[in-house]
Amino acid sequence: MKDEPRSTNLFMKLDSVFIWKEPFGLVLIIAPWNYPLNLTLVLLVGALAAGSCVVLKPSEISQGTEKVLAEVLPQYLDQSCFAVVLGGP
């Protein structure tokens, strides 16, 4: 699962080019209470882009963010590839 470096062309000489592998499967994301939206969505997008299904557990301390994620995400994402679990620890 190491990154595979790739050669660059003239336009990308200053960039680093590599293939970053992420596995398929089921991903459990337990979101932290600090920066709950940012730290949750970054991991969610990466897991969905890699082709994984996601079980998302927002922090029970940030109740407002927990409710927003549970209500808004099903409106914009296919519910067959993720689930939001609410509640305490």
PDB file of N, CA and C in Angstrom:
ATOM      1  N   MET A   1       0.809  -1.197   0.000  1.00  0.00           N
ATOM      2  CA  MET A   1       0.000   0.000   0.000  1.00  0.00           C
ATOM      3  C   MET A   1       0.857   1.268   0.000  1.00  0.00           C
ATOM      4  N   LYS A   2       2.138   1.133  -0.284  1.00  0.00           N
ATOM      5  CA  LYS A   2       2.982   2.323  -0.337  1.00  0.00           C
ATOM      6  C   LYS A   2       2.610   3.168  -1.548  1.00  0.00           C
ATOM      7  N   ASP A   3       2.886   4.471  -1.434  1.00  0.00           N
ATOM      8  CA  ASP A   3       2.662   5.364  -2.567  1.00  0.00           C
ATOM      9  C   ASP A   3       3.627   5.002  -3.691  1.00  0.00           C
ATOM     10  N   GLU A   4       3.110   5.042  -4.927  1.00  0.00           N
ATOM     11  CA  GLU A   4       3.937   4.734  -6.086  1.00  0.00           C
ATOM     12  C   GLU A   4       4.296   6.026  -6.797  1.00  0.00           C
ATOM     13  N   PRO A   5       5.565   6.409  -6.805  1.00  0.00           N
ATOM     14  CA  PRO A   5       5.941   7.627  -7.529  1.00  0.00           C
ATOM     15  C   PRO A   5       5.804   7.425  -9.034  1.00  0.00           C
ATOM     16  N   ARG A   6       5.432   8.462  -9.716  1.00  0.00           N
ATOM     17  CA  ARG A   6       5.270   8.430 -11.164  1.00  0.00           C
ATOM     18  C   ARG A   6       6.121   9.526 -11.782  1.00  0.00           C
ATOM     19  N   SER A   7       6.466   9.333 -13.040  1.00  0.00           N
ATOM     20  CA  SER A   7       7.262  10.332 -13.741  1.00  0.00           C
ATOM     21  C   SER A   7       6.396  11.545 -14.079  1.00  0.00           C
ATOM     22  N   THR A   8       7.042  12.672 -14.224  1.00  0.00           N
ATOM     23  CA  THR A   8       6.334  13.917 -14.522  1.00  0.00           C
ATOM     24  C   THR A   8       6.725  14.411 -15.907  1.00  0.00           C
ATOM     25  N   ASN A   9       5.896  15.264 -16.444  1.00  0.00           N
ATOM     26  CA  ASN A   9       6.221  15.873 -17.732  1.00  0.00           C
ATOM     27  C   ASN A   9       6.771  17.288 -17.495  1.00  0.00           C
ATOM     28  N   LEU A  10       6.980  18.014 -18.533  1.00  0.00           N
ATOM     29  CA  LEU A  10       7.588  19.339 -18.431  1.00  0.00           C
ATOM     30  C   LEU A  10       6.727  20.307 -17.630  1.00  0.00           C
ATOM     31  N   PHE A  11       5.398  20.193 -17.734  1.00  0.00           N
ATOM     32  CA  PHE A  11       4.500  21.115 -17.046  1.00  0.00           C
ATOM     33  C   PHE A  11       4.412  20.838 -15.546  1.00  0.00           C
ATOM     34  N   MET A  12       4.761  19.634 -15.133  1.00  0.00           N
ATOM     35  CA  MET A  12       4.630  19.270 -13.713  1.00  0.00           C
ATOM     36  C   MET A  12       5.980  18.957 -13.075  1.00  0.00           C
ATOM     37  N   LYS A  13       7.059  19.555 -13.542  1.00  0.00           N
ATOM     38  CA  LYS A  13       8.383  19.275 -13.003  1.00  0.00           C
ATOM     39  C   LYS A  13       8.504  19.674 -11.541  1.00  0.00           C
ATOM     40  N   LEU A  14       7.817  20.706 -11.110  1.00  0.00           N
ATOM     41  CA  LEU A  14       7.929  21.170  -9.733  1.00  0.00           C
ATOM     42  C   LEU A  14       6.972  20.440  -8.790  1.00  0.00           C
ATOM     43  N   ASP A  15       6.091  19.617  -9.325  1.00  0.00           N
ATOM     44  CA  ASP A  15       5.115  18.892  -8.510  1.00  0.00           C
ATOM     45  C   ASP A  15       5.626  17.486  -8.205  1.00  0.00           C
ATOM     46  N   SER A  16       5.077  16.908  -7.172  1.00  0.00           N
ATOM     47  CA  SER A  16       5.343  15.500  -6.906  1.00  0.00           C
ATOM     48  C   SER A  16       4.112  14.710  -7.356  1.00  0.00           C
ATOM     49  N   VAL A  17       4.342  13.684  -8.144  1.00  0.00           N
ATOM     50  CA  VAL A  17       3.258  12.887  -8.703  1.00  0.00           C
ATOM     51  C   VAL A  17       3.393  11.463  -8.169  1.00  0.00           C
ATOM     52  N   PHE A  18       2.299  10.952  -7.611  1.00  0.00           N
ATOM     53  CA  PHE A  18       2.314   9.598  -7.102  1.00  0.00           C
ATOM     54  C   PHE A  18       0.899   9.054  -7.080  1.00  0.00           C
ATOM     55  N   ILE A  19       0.788   7.739  -6.975  1.00  0.00           N
ATOM     56  CA  ILE A  19      -0.499   7.067  -6.839  1.00  0.00           C
ATOM     57  C   ILE A  19      -0.674   6.749  -5.364  1.00  0.00           C
ATOM     58  N   TRP A  20      -1.737   7.270  -4.775  1.00  0.00           N
ATOM     59  CA  TRP A  20      -2.030   7.088  -3.357  1.00  0.00           C
ATOM     60  C   TRP A  20      -3.135   6.047  -3.254  1.00  0.00           C
ATOM     61  N   LYS A  21      -2.846   4.891  -2.682  1.00  0.00           N
ATOM     62  CA  LYS A  21      -3.797   3.787  -2.639  1.00  0.00           C
ATOM     63  C   LYS A  21      -4.609   3.831  -1.349  1.00  0.00           C
ATOM     64  N   GLU A  22      -5.904   3.642  -1.489  1.00  0.00           N
ATOM     65  CA  GLU A  22      -6.807   3.496  -0.360  1.00  0.00           C
ATOM     66  C   GLU A  22      -7.649   2.253  -0.615  1.00  0.00           C
ATOM     67  N   PRO A  23      -7.840   1.421   0.389  1.00  0.00           N
ATOM     68  CA  PRO A  23      -8.528   0.150   0.165  1.00  0.00           C
ATOM     69  C   PRO A  23     -10.032   0.297  -0.013  1.00  0.00           C
ATOM     70  N   PHE A  24     -10.633  -0.664  -0.710  1.00  0.00           N
ATOM     71  CA  PHE A  24     -12.082  -0.780  -0.772  1.00  0.00           C
ATOM     72  C   PHE A  24     -12.545  -1.470   0.498  1.00  0.00           C
ATOM     73  N   GLY A  25     -13.765  -1.302   0.858  1.00  0.00           N
ATOM     74  CA  GLY A  25     -14.277  -1.995   2.026  1.00  0.00           C
ATOM     75  C   GLY A  25     -15.218  -1.119   2.819  1.00  0.00           C
ATOM     76  N   LEU A  26     -15.291  -1.374   4.093  1.00  0.00           N
ATOM     77  CA  LEU A  26     -16.155  -0.632   4.998  1.00  0.00           C
ATOM     78  C   LEU A  26     -15.292   0.205   5.920  1.00  0.00           C
ATOM     79  N   VAL A  27     -15.626   1.484   6.048  1.00  0.00           N
ATOM     80  CA  VAL A  27     -14.854   2.418   6.855  1.00  0.00           C
ATOM     81  C   VAL A  27     -15.732   2.930   7.983  1.00  0.00           C
ATOM     82  N   LEU A  28     -15.207   2.882   9.208  1.00  0.00           N
ATOM     83  CA  LEU A  28     -15.887   3.463  10.361  1.00  0.00           C
ATOM     84  C   LEU A  28     -15.204   4.771  10.685  1.00  0.00           C
ATOM     85  N   ILE A  29     -15.959   5.864  10.647  1.00  0.00           N
ATOM     86  CA  ILE A  29     -15.425   7.182  10.986  1.00  0.00           C
ATOM     87  C   ILE A  29     -16.084   7.633  12.276  1.00  0.00           C
ATOM     88  N   ILE A  30     -15.285   7.744  13.332  1.00  0.00           N
ATOM     89  CA  ILE A  30     -15.770   8.266  14.600  1.00  0.00           C
ATOM     90  C   ILE A  30     -15.259   9.694  14.685  1.00  0.00           C
ATOM     91  N   ALA A  31     -16.155  10.644  14.546  1.00  0.00           N
ATOM     92  CA  ALA A  31     -15.774  12.047  14.431  1.00  0.00           C
ATOM     93  C   ALA A  31     -15.410  12.633  15.790  1.00  0.00           C
ATOM     94  N   PRO A  32     -14.425  13.520  15.829  1.00  0.00           N
ATOM     95  CA  PRO A  32     -14.057  14.184  17.074  1.00  0.00           C
ATOM     96  C   PRO A  32     -15.003  15.344  17.378  1.00  0.00           C
ATOM     97  N   TRP A  33     -14.924  15.852  18.581  1.00  0.00           N
ATOM     98  CA  TRP A  33     -15.793  16.963  18.972  1.00  0.00           C
ATOM     99  C   TRP A  33     -15.224  18.300  18.520  1.00  0.00           C
ATOM    100  N   ASN A  34     -13.912  18.401  18.339  1.00  0.00           N
ATOM    101  CA  ASN A  34     -13.316  19.655  17.885  1.00  0.00           C
ATOM    102  C   ASN A  34     -13.251  19.648  16.355  1.00  0.00           C
ATOM    103  N   TYR A  35     -13.679  20.691  15.722  1.00  0.00           N
ATOM    104  CA  TYR A  35     -13.815  20.787  14.269  1.00  0.00           C
ATOM    105  C   TYR A  35     -14.616  19.606  13.726  1.00  0.00           C
ATOM    106  N   PRO A  36     -15.801  19.363  14.246  1.00  0.00           N
ATOM    107  CA  PRO A  36     -16.522  18.124  13.888  1.00  0.00           C
ATOM    108  C   PRO A  36     -16.918  18.054  12.420  1.00  0.00           C
ATOM    109  N   LEU A  37     -17.268  19.171  11.819  1.00  0.00           N
ATOM    110  CA  LEU A  37     -17.710  19.126  10.425  1.00  0.00           C
ATOM    111  C   LEU A  37     -16.533  18.905   9.487  1.00  0.00           C
ATOM    112  N   ASN A  38     -15.474  19.678   9.662  1.00  0.00           N
ATOM    113  CA  ASN A  38     -14.313  19.579   8.785  1.00  0.00           C
ATOM    114  C   ASN A  38     -13.648  18.209   8.883  1.00  0.00           C
ATOM    115  N   LEU A  39     -13.374  17.762  10.090  1.00  0.00           N
ATOM    116  CA  LEU A  39     -12.669  16.495  10.260  1.00  0.00           C
ATOM    117  C   LEU A  39     -13.530  15.293   9.878  1.00  0.00           C
ATOM    118  N   THR A  40     -14.828  15.469   9.860  1.00  0.00           N
ATOM    119  CA  THR A  40     -15.718  14.385   9.438  1.00  0.00           C
ATOM    120  C   THR A  40     -15.820  14.320   7.919  1.00  0.00           C
ATOM    121  N   LEU A  41     -16.067  15.456   7.293  1.00  0.00           N
ATOM    122  CA  LEU A  41     -16.292  15.468   5.847  1.00  0.00           C
ATOM    123  C   LEU A  41     -15.034  15.154   5.047  1.00  0.00           C
ATOM    124  N   VAL A  42     -13.865  15.544   5.541  1.00  0.00           N
ATOM    125  CA  VAL A  42     -12.625  15.233   4.826  1.00  0.00           C
ATOM    126  C   VAL A  42     -12.435  13.716   4.749  1.00  0.00           C
ATOM    127  N   LEU A  43     -12.649  13.031   5.862  1.00  0.00           N
ATOM    128  CA  LEU A  43     -12.513  11.577   5.858  1.00  0.00           C
ATOM    129  C   LEU A  43     -13.628  10.905   5.065  1.00  0.00           C
ATOM    130  N   LEU A  44     -14.840  11.453   5.152  1.00  0.00           N
ATOM    131  CA  LEU A  44     -15.977  10.889   4.425  1.00  0.00           C
ATOM    132  C   LEU A  44     -15.758  10.973   2.924  1.00  0.00           C
ATOM    133  N   VAL A  45     -15.328  12.104   2.436  1.00  0.00           N
ATOM    134  CA  VAL A  45     -15.099  12.284   0.997  1.00  0.00           C
ATOM    135  C   VAL A  45     -13.987  11.363   0.511  1.00  0.00           C
ATOM    136  N   GLY A  46     -12.911  11.247   1.283  1.00  0.00           N
ATOM    137  CA  GLY A  46     -11.813  10.365   0.889  1.00  0.00           C
ATOM    138  C   GLY A  46     -12.232   8.908   0.821  1.00  0.00           C
ATOM    139  N   ALA A  47     -13.010   8.467   1.795  1.00  0.00           N
ATOM    140  CA  ALA A  47     -13.459   7.072   1.812  1.00  0.00           C
ATOM    141  C   ALA A  47     -14.435   6.787   0.677  1.00  0.00           C
ATOM    142  N   LEU A  48     -15.368   7.699   0.423  1.00  0.00           N
ATOM    143  CA  LEU A  48     -16.328   7.492  -0.668  1.00  0.00           C
ATOM    144  C   LEU A  48     -15.636   7.553  -2.030  1.00  0.00           C
ATOM    145  N   ALA A  49     -14.668   8.445  -2.183  1.00  0.00           N
ATOM    146  CA  ALA A  49     -13.940   8.544  -3.446  1.00  0.00           C
ATOM    147  C   ALA A  49     -13.117   7.289  -3.716  1.00  0.00           C
ATOM    148  N   ALA A  50     -12.680   6.613  -2.662  1.00  0.00           N
ATOM    149  CA  ALA A  50     -11.907   5.390  -2.828  1.00  0.00           C
ATOM    150  C   ALA A  50     -12.796   4.180  -3.097  1.00  0.00           C
ATOM    151  N   GLY A  51     -14.109   4.370  -3.019  1.00  0.00           N
ATOM    152  CA  GLY A  51     -15.025   3.283  -3.305  1.00  0.00           C
ATOM    153  C   GLY A  51     -15.447   2.493  -2.085  1.00  0.00           C
ATOM    154  N   SER A  52     -15.201   3.018  -0.901  1.00  0.00           N
ATOM    155  CA  SER A  52     -15.559   2.318   0.321  1.00  0.00           C
ATOM    156  C   SER A  52     -16.941   2.745   0.805  1.00  0.00           C
ATOM    157  N   CYS A  53     -17.598   1.879   1.536  1.00  0.00           N
ATOM    158  CA  CYS A  53     -18.828   2.237   2.239  1.00  0.00           C
ATOM    159  C   CYS A  53     -18.436   2.788   3.601  1.00  0.00           C
ATOM    160  N   VAL A  54     -19.258   3.690   4.137  1.00  0.00           N
ATOM    161  CA  VAL A  54     -18.879   4.408   5.350  1.00  0.00           C
ATOM    162  C   VAL A  54     -19.979   4.308   6.395  1.00  0.00           C
ATOM    163  N   VAL A  55     -19.573   4.040   7.637  1.00  0.00           N
ATOM    164  CA  VAL A  55     -20.435   4.184   8.800  1.00  0.00           C
ATOM    165  C   VAL A  55     -19.889   5.398   9.545  1.00  0.00           C
ATOM    166  N   LEU A  56     -20.707   6.423   9.667  1.00  0.00           N
ATOM    167  CA  LEU A  56     -20.284   7.697  10.242  1.00  0.00           C
ATOM    168  C   LEU A  56     -20.901   7.859  11.618  1.00  0.00           C
ATOM    169  N   LYS A  57     -20.063   8.068  12.633  1.00  0.00           N
ATOM    170  CA  LYS A  57     -20.526   8.286  14.003  1.00  0.00           C
ATOM    171  C   LYS A  57     -20.038   9.658  14.449  1.00  0.00           C
ATOM    172  N   PRO A  58     -20.907  10.698  14.347  1.00  0.00           N
ATOM    173  CA  PRO A  58     -20.518  12.028  14.814  1.00  0.00           C
ATOM    174  C   PRO A  58     -20.410  12.051  16.338  1.00  0.00           C
ATOM    175  N   SER A  59     -19.673  13.011  16.853  1.00  0.00           N
ATOM    176  CA  SER A  59     -19.502  13.151  18.295  1.00  0.00           C
ATOM    177  C   SER A  59     -20.815  13.552  18.947  1.00  0.00           C
ATOM    178  N   GLU A  60     -21.135  12.916  20.066  1.00  0.00           N
ATOM    179  CA  GLU A  60     -22.362  13.257  20.787  1.00  0.00           C
ATOM    180  C   GLU A  60     -22.229  14.584  21.530  1.00  0.00           C
ATOM    181  N   ILE A  61     -21.024  15.081  21.676  1.00  0.00           N
ATOM    182  CA  ILE A  61     -20.811  16.363  22.357  1.00  0.00           C
ATOM    183  C   ILE A  61     -21.259  17.522  21.473  1.00  0.00           C
ATOM    184  N   SER A  62     -21.020  17.420  20.174  1.00  0.00           N
ATOM    185  CA  SER A  62     -21.434  18.467  19.230  1.00  0.00           C
ATOM    186  C   SER A  62     -22.785  18.066  18.622  1.00  0.00           C
ATOM    187  N   GLN A  63     -23.837  18.262  19.386  1.00  0.00           N
ATOM    188  CA  GLN A  63     -25.167  17.776  19.001  1.00  0.00           C
ATOM    189  C   GLN A  63     -25.731  18.482  17.778  1.00  0.00           C
ATOM    190  N   GLY A  64     -25.443  19.759  17.620  1.00  0.00           N
ATOM    191  CA  GLY A  64     -25.944  20.478  16.447  1.00  0.00           C
ATOM    192  C   GLY A  64     -25.363  19.937  15.160  1.00  0.00           C
ATOM    193  N   THR A  65     -24.057  19.711  15.154  1.00  0.00           N
ATOM    194  CA  THR A  65     -23.410  19.146  13.969  1.00  0.00           C
ATOM    195  C   THR A  65     -23.885  17.730  13.709  1.00  0.00           C
ATOM    196  N   GLU A  66     -24.114  16.982  14.773  1.00  0.00           N
ATOM    197  CA  GLU A  66     -24.613  15.615  14.651  1.00  0.00           C
ATOM    198  C   GLU A  66     -25.962  15.592  13.929  1.00  0.00           C
ATOM    199  N   LYS A  67     -26.850  16.495  14.304  1.00  0.00           N
ATOM    200  CA  LYS A  67     -28.175  16.548  13.679  1.00  0.00           C
ATOM    201  C   LYS A  67     -28.106  17.019  12.234  1.00  0.00           C
ATOM    202  N   VAL A  68     -27.249  18.004  11.970  1.00  0.00           N
ATOM    203  CA  VAL A  68     -27.117  18.515  10.600  1.00  0.00           C
ATOM    204  C   VAL A  68     -26.589  17.424   9.676  1.00  0.00           C
ATOM    205  N   LEU A  69     -25.576  16.689  10.115  1.00  0.00           N
ATOM    206  CA  LEU A  69     -25.043  15.613   9.280  1.00  0.00           C
ATOM    207  C   LEU A  69     -26.089  14.537   9.014  1.00  0.00           C
ATOM    208  N   ALA A  70     -26.868  14.201  10.021  1.00  0.00           N
ATOM    209  CA  ALA A  70     -27.889  13.163   9.858  1.00  0.00           C
ATOM    210  C   ALA A  70     -29.008  13.604   8.924  1.00  0.00           C
ATOM    211  N   GLU A  71     -29.310  14.899   8.869  1.00  0.00           N
ATOM    212  CA  GLU A  71     -30.399  15.388   8.018  1.00  0.00           C
ATOM    213  C   GLU A  71     -29.944  15.753   6.610  1.00  0.00           C
ATOM    214  N   VAL A  72     -28.761  16.338   6.481  1.00  0.00           N
ATOM    215  CA  VAL A  72     -28.334  16.885   5.191  1.00  0.00           C
ATOM    216  C   VAL A  72     -27.661  15.838   4.307  1.00  0.00           C
ATOM    217  N   LEU A  73     -26.814  14.995   4.865  1.00  0.00           N
ATOM    218  CA  LEU A  73     -26.086  14.037   4.029  1.00  0.00           C
ATOM    219  C   LEU A  73     -26.992  13.117   3.214  1.00  0.00           C
ATOM    220  N   PRO A  74     -28.089  12.592   3.766  1.00  0.00           N
ATOM    221  CA  PRO A  74     -28.957  11.729   2.937  1.00  0.00           C
ATOM    222  C   PRO A  74     -29.606  12.459   1.758  1.00  0.00           C
ATOM    223  N   GLN A  75     -29.703  13.774   1.831  1.00  0.00           N
ATOM    224  CA  GLN A  75     -30.287  14.527   0.716  1.00  0.00           C
ATOM    225  C   GLN A  75     -29.348  14.589  -0.486  1.00  0.00           C
ATOM    226  N   TYR A  76     -28.039  14.498  -0.241  1.00  0.00           N
ATOM    227  CA  TYR A  76     -27.065  14.712  -1.309  1.00  0.00           C
ATOM    228  C   TYR A  76     -26.246  13.477  -1.668  1.00  0.00           C
ATOM    229  N   LEU A  77     -26.239  12.463  -0.823  1.00  0.00           N
ATOM    230  CA  LEU A  77     -25.450  11.268  -1.090  1.00  0.00           C
ATOM    231  C   LEU A  77     -26.351  10.043  -1.169  1.00  0.00           C
ATOM    232  N   ASP A  78     -25.884   9.066  -1.907  1.00  0.00           N
ATOM    233  CA  ASP A  78     -26.615   7.803  -2.041  1.00  0.00           C
ATOM    234  C   ASP A  78     -26.590   7.069  -0.705  1.00  0.00           C
ATOM    235  N   GLN A  79     -27.756   6.750  -0.164  1.00  0.00           N
ATOM    236  CA  GLN A  79     -27.834   6.141   1.157  1.00  0.00           C
ATOM    237  C   GLN A  79     -27.383   4.680   1.174  1.00  0.00           C
ATOM    238  N   SER A  80     -27.133   4.092   0.033  1.00  0.00           N
ATOM    239  CA  SER A  80     -26.640   2.721   0.013  1.00  0.00           C
ATOM    240  C   SER A  80     -25.140   2.646   0.286  1.00  0.00           C
ATOM    241  N   CYS A  81     -24.442   3.780   0.281  1.00  0.00           N
ATOM    242  CA  CYS A  81     -22.985   3.751   0.491  1.00  0.00           C
ATOM    243  C   CYS A  81     -22.559   4.341   1.828  1.00  0.00           C
ATOM    244  N   PHE A  82     -23.480   4.835   2.646  1.00  0.00           N
ATOM    245  CA  PHE A  82     -23.084   5.358   3.949  1.00  0.00           C
ATOM    246  C   PHE A  82     -24.259   5.268   4.919  1.00  0.00           C
ATOM    247  N   ALA A  83     -23.925   5.318   6.198  1.00  0.00           N
ATOM    248  CA  ALA A  83     -24.927   5.353   7.258  1.00  0.00           C
ATOM    249  C   ALA A  83     -24.420   6.279   8.357  1.00  0.00           C
ATOM    250  N   VAL A  84     -25.331   7.057   8.937  1.00  0.00           N
ATOM    251  CA  VAL A  84     -24.993   7.943  10.043  1.00  0.00           C
ATOM    252  C   VAL A  84     -25.607   7.356  11.299  1.00  0.00           C
ATOM    253  N   VAL A  85     -24.775   7.107  12.307  1.00  0.00           N
ATOM    254  CA  VAL A  85     -25.224   6.530  13.571  1.00  0.00           C
ATOM    255  C   VAL A  85     -25.168   7.614  14.629  1.00  0.00           C
ATOM    256  N   LEU A  86     -26.312   7.896  15.260  1.00  0.00           N
ATOM    257  CA  LEU A  86     -26.382   8.929  16.295  1.00  0.00           C
ATOM    258  C   LEU A  86     -26.417   8.292  17.675  1.00  0.00           C
ATOM    259  N   GLY A  87     -26.043   9.072  18.676  1.00  0.00           N
ATOM    260  CA  GLY A  87     -26.150   8.591  20.054  1.00  0.00           C
ATOM    261  C   GLY A  87     -24.870   8.751  20.824  1.00  0.00           C
ATOM    262  N   GLY A  88     -24.886   8.211  22.022  1.00  0.00           N
ATOM    263  CA  GLY A  88     -23.762   8.324  22.939  1.00  0.00           C
ATOM    264  C   GLY A  88     -22.657   7.323  22.639  1.00  0.00           C
ATOM    265  N   PRO A  89     -21.685   7.272  23.529  1.00  0.00           N
ATOM    266  CA  PRO A  89     -20.531   6.376  23.304  1.00  0.00           C
ATOM    267  C   PRO A  89     -20.898   4.906  23.346  1.00  0.00           C
TER     268      PRO A  89
END
